[in-house]
Amino acid sequence: MSDTDQREVLWAPWRIEYITGQKEKGCIFCNRFALTDDRRNLILARGRRSFVIMNKFPYNNGHLMVAPIRHTGDFSSLTADEIAEIFAFVQAFMGVFHSVMKPDGFNIGLNLGKTAGAGVEDHLHVHVVPRWEGDTNFMPVIGEIKVISEHIQSTYDKLLDAYRTTKLSEESP
């Protein structure tokens, strides 16, 4: 392989687990919520009606999701209390991100249905993705690869610590 060929190779070894790994049976959100080791399962917070979980294969550092505890893919079936708690978590973690990671903006949204890009169609979830000026560069655009600059467990620990500290002084789900 020539030097030119070497420069054209982009390595993302952490993705192989997602690509070749055994696909989980059942709902990933219901399965994770039922387990008790929150750190191992990347659950940052549990409420009465919803919970916050980090995306194991993130679009960006810190990418997390807020999901109702109740298994539903139908947004119109959510109760007012479920919607309120889900978006209270979104708001609380935006504050956590500002204190820990100092993002310049956020992508926040839902992908409802396969056509809309939902990877998990039967259990809706709100994506919260912190963004930084200049984080869109040639790597994801040309190389179809993301550079994640911090190990997910380190990010988890920082976010959890900030959430617990914030939760003591503010109303949070």
Foldseek 3Di string as FASTA:
>chain_A
DDPVVVVLDDDDPVCVCVVPPDDDPDDLLLVLVPDDPCLVQQWQADDPFKTKGADPDDPEQPKIKIFTNDWALDPVPDDPVNVVQSVLQVVLLVVLCCVQPNAPDWDKAWQADVVSPDPGHGTIIIIIGGHHVPLDDCCCVPVVDHDYDDDNSVSSVSSNVSSVVVVVVDPGD
